[in-house]
Amino acid sequence: KKLDKDRFRRDLGEVTEAYEEIYNRLKKVLNK
Protein backbone atom coordinates (compact mmCIF):
# COMPACT_ATOMS: atom_id res chain seq x y z
CA LYS A 1 0.00 0.00 0.00
CA LYS A 2 2.85 2.41 0.81
CA LEU A 3 4.38 1.67 -2.60
CA ASP A 4 1.14 2.64 -4.37
CA LYS A 5 0.96 5.86 -2.36
CA ASP A 6 4.51 6.81 -3.34
CA ARG A 7 3.82 6.01 -6.99
CA PHE A 8 0.62 8.08 -6.91
CA ARG A 9 2.45 11.02 -5.35
CA ARG A 10 5.20 10.85 -7.98
CA ASP A 11 2.69 10.73 -10.85
CA LEU A 12 0.79 13.64 -9.31
CA GLY A 13 4.03 15.62 -9.16
CA GLU A 14 4.69 15.01 -12.85
CA VAL A 15 1.17 16.16 -13.72
CA THR A 16 1.61 19.29 -11.60
CA GLU A 17 4.87 20.11 -13.39
CA ALA A 18 3.16 19.77 -16.77
CA TYR A 19 0.32 22.08 -15.70
CA GLU A 20 2.81 24.64 -14.36
CA GLU A 21 4.61 24.70 -17.71
CA ILE A 22 1.32 25.19 -19.58
CA TYR A 23 0.32 27.92 -17.12
CA ASN A 24 3.63 29.74 -17.60
CA ARG A 25 3.26 29.60 -21.41
CA LEU A 26 -0.28 30.98 -21.16
CA LYS A 27 0.95 33.82 -18.94
CA LYS A 28 3.58 34.81 -21.52
CA VAL A 29 0.97 34.81 -24.29
CA LEU A 30 -1.53 36.83 -22.26
CA ASN A 31 1.08 39.40 -21.21
CA LYS A 32 1.87 40.33 -24.81
PDB file of N, CA and C in Angstrom:
ATOM      1  N   LYS A   1       0.857  -1.206   0.000  1.00  0.00           N
ATOM      2  CA  LYS A   1       0.000   0.000   0.000  1.00  0.00           C
ATOM      3  C   LYS A   1       0.887   1.249   0.000  1.00  0.00           C
ATOM      4  N   LYS A   2       1.955   1.237   0.773  1.00  0.00           N
ATOM      5  CA  LYS A   2       2.850   2.405   0.807  1.00  0.00           C
ATOM      6  C   LYS A   2       3.464   2.649  -0.567  1.00  0.00           C
ATOM      7  N   LEU A   3       3.771   1.543  -1.277  1.00  0.00           N
ATOM      8  CA  LEU A   3       4.380   1.666  -2.602  1.00  0.00           C
ATOM      9  C   LEU A   3       3.415   2.384  -3.553  1.00  0.00           C
ATOM     10  N   ASP A   4       2.125   1.999  -3.507  1.00  0.00           N
ATOM     11  CA  ASP A   4       1.136   2.639  -4.373  1.00  0.00           C
ATOM     12  C   ASP A   4       1.033   4.129  -4.059  1.00  0.00           C
ATOM     13  N   LYS A   5       1.085   4.455  -2.768  1.00  0.00           N
ATOM     14  CA  LYS A   5       0.962   5.857  -2.365  1.00  0.00           C
ATOM     15  C   LYS A   5       2.134   6.662  -2.925  1.00  0.00           C
ATOM     16  N   ASP A   6       3.338   6.103  -2.827  1.00  0.00           N
ATOM     17  CA  ASP A   6       4.515   6.809  -3.340  1.00  0.00           C
ATOM     18  C   ASP A   6       4.403   6.985  -4.848  1.00  0.00           C
ATOM     19  N   ARG A   7       3.952   5.931  -5.539  1.00  0.00           N
ATOM     20  CA  ARG A   7       3.816   6.015  -6.994  1.00  0.00           C
ATOM     21  C   ARG A   7       2.783   7.079  -7.363  1.00  0.00           C
ATOM     22  N   PHE A   8       1.665   7.093  -6.647  1.00  0.00           N
ATOM     23  CA  PHE A   8       0.617   8.076  -6.914  1.00  0.00           C
ATOM     24  C   PHE A   8       1.146   9.489  -6.716  1.00  0.00           C
ATOM     25  N   ARG A   9       1.921   9.686  -5.638  1.00  0.00           N
ATOM     26  CA  ARG A   9       2.453  11.019  -5.347  1.00  0.00           C
ATOM     27  C   ARG A   9       3.426  11.447  -6.442  1.00  0.00           C
ATOM     28  N   ARG A  10       4.233  10.502  -6.938  1.00  0.00           N
ATOM     29  CA  ARG A  10       5.203  10.849  -7.980  1.00  0.00           C
ATOM     30  C   ARG A  10       4.469  11.220  -9.271  1.00  0.00           C
ATOM     31  N   ASP A  11       3.455  10.425  -9.638  1.00  0.00           N
ATOM     32  CA  ASP A  11       2.686  10.727 -10.846  1.00  0.00           C
ATOM     33  C   ASP A  11       2.014  12.084 -10.713  1.00  0.00           C
ATOM     34  N   LEU A  12       1.460  12.364  -9.543  1.00  0.00           N
ATOM     35  CA  LEU A  12       0.786  13.643  -9.312  1.00  0.00           C
ATOM     36  C   LEU A  12       1.779  14.788  -9.488  1.00  0.00           C
ATOM     37  N   GLY A  13       3.007  14.592  -9.015  1.00  0.00           N
ATOM     38  CA  GLY A  13       4.032  15.625  -9.161  1.00  0.00           C
ATOM     39  C   GLY A  13       4.340  15.891 -10.619  1.00  0.00           C
ATOM     40  N   GLU A  14       4.401  14.825 -11.425  1.00  0.00           N
ATOM     41  CA  GLU A  14       4.686  15.011 -12.853  1.00  0.00           C
ATOM     42  C   GLU A  14       3.558  15.791 -13.513  1.00  0.00           C
ATOM     43  N   VAL A  15       2.329  15.463 -13.151  1.00  0.00           N
ATOM     44  CA  VAL A  15       1.173  16.165 -13.725  1.00  0.00           C
ATOM     45  C   VAL A  15       1.215  17.636 -13.332  1.00  0.00           C
ATOM     46  N   THR A  16       1.542  17.905 -12.074  1.00  0.00           N
ATOM     47  CA  THR A  16       1.611  19.288 -11.600  1.00  0.00           C
ATOM     48  C   THR A  16       2.664  20.068 -12.371  1.00  0.00           C
ATOM     49  N   GLU A  17       3.806  19.431 -12.635  1.00  0.00           N
ATOM     50  CA  GLU A  17       4.868  20.113 -13.391  1.00  0.00           C
ATOM     51  C   GLU A  17       4.373  20.458 -14.788  1.00  0.00           C
ATOM     52  N   ALA A  18       3.675  19.536 -15.420  1.00  0.00           N
ATOM     53  CA  ALA A  18       3.162  19.774 -16.772  1.00  0.00           C
ATOM     54  C   ALA A  18       2.189  20.949 -16.761  1.00  0.00           C
ATOM     55  N   TYR A  19       1.289  20.977 -15.774  1.00  0.00           N
ATOM     56  CA  TYR A  19       0.325  22.077 -15.698  1.00  0.00           C
ATOM     57  C   TYR A  19       1.022  23.408 -15.439  1.00  0.00           C
ATOM     58  N   GLU A  20       2.079  23.394 -14.630  1.00  0.00           N
ATOM     59  CA  GLU A  20       2.814  24.641 -14.359  1.00  0.00           C
ATOM     60  C   GLU A  20       3.438  25.169 -15.639  1.00  0.00           C
ATOM     61  N   GLU A  21       3.982  24.264 -16.464  1.00  0.00           N
ATOM     62  CA  GLU A  21       4.608  24.697 -17.715  1.00  0.00           C
ATOM     63  C   GLU A  21       3.563  25.307 -18.640  1.00  0.00           C
ATOM     64  N   ILE A  22       2.405  24.655 -18.738  1.00  0.00           N
ATOM     65  CA  ILE A  22       1.318  25.186 -19.582  1.00  0.00           C
ATOM     66  C   ILE A  22       0.878  26.547 -19.056  1.00  0.00           C
ATOM     67  N   TYR A  23       0.750  26.664 -17.734  1.00  0.00           N
ATOM     68  CA  TYR A  23       0.319  27.923 -17.122  1.00  0.00           C
ATOM     69  C   TYR A  23       1.312  29.038 -17.427  1.00  0.00           C
ATOM     70  N   ASN A  24       2.607  28.725 -17.328  1.00  0.00           N
ATOM     71  CA  ASN A  24       3.629  29.738 -17.602  1.00  0.00           C
ATOM     72  C   ASN A  24       3.576  30.184 -19.059  1.00  0.00           C
ATOM     73  N   ARG A  25       3.349  29.238 -19.981  1.00  0.00           N
ATOM     74  CA  ARG A  25       3.261  29.601 -21.406  1.00  0.00           C
ATOM     75  C   ARG A  25       2.053  30.495 -21.637  1.00  0.00           C
ATOM     76  N   LEU A  26       0.929  30.161 -20.998  1.00  0.00           N
ATOM     77  CA  LEU A  26      -0.276  30.978 -21.164  1.00  0.00           C
ATOM     78  C   LEU A  26      -0.036  32.385 -20.633  1.00  0.00           C
ATOM     79  N   LYS A  27       0.658  32.496 -19.503  1.00  0.00           N
ATOM     80  CA  LYS A  27       0.945  33.820 -18.938  1.00  0.00           C
ATOM     81  C   LYS A  27       1.742  34.657 -19.927  1.00  0.00           C
ATOM     82  N   LYS A  28       2.756  34.063 -20.555  1.00  0.00           N
ATOM     83  CA  LYS A  28       3.579  34.808 -21.520  1.00  0.00           C
ATOM     84  C   LYS A  28       2.717  35.293 -22.676  1.00  0.00           C
ATOM     85  N   VAL A  29       1.832  34.439 -23.158  1.00  0.00           N
ATOM     86  CA  VAL A  29       0.970  34.810 -24.290  1.00  0.00           C
ATOM     87  C   VAL A  29       0.018  35.930 -23.881  1.00  0.00           C
ATOM     88  N   LEU A  30      -0.559  35.823 -22.690  1.00  0.00           N
ATOM     89  CA  LEU A  30      -1.533  36.826 -22.255  1.00  0.00           C
ATOM     90  C   LEU A  30      -0.872  38.165 -21.945  1.00  0.00           C
ATOM     91  N   ASN A  31       0.402  38.146 -21.560  1.00  0.00           N
ATOM     92  CA  ASN A  31       1.079  39.398 -21.209  1.00  0.00           C
ATOM     93  C   ASN A  31       1.445  40.217 -22.440  1.00  0.00           C
ATOM     94  N   LYS A  32       1.455  39.592 -23.614  1.00  0.00           N
ATOM     95  CA  LYS A  32       1.870  40.331 -24.815  1.00  0.00           C
ATOM     96  C   LYS A  32       0.823  41.355 -25.218  1.00  0.00           C
TER      97      LYS A  32
END
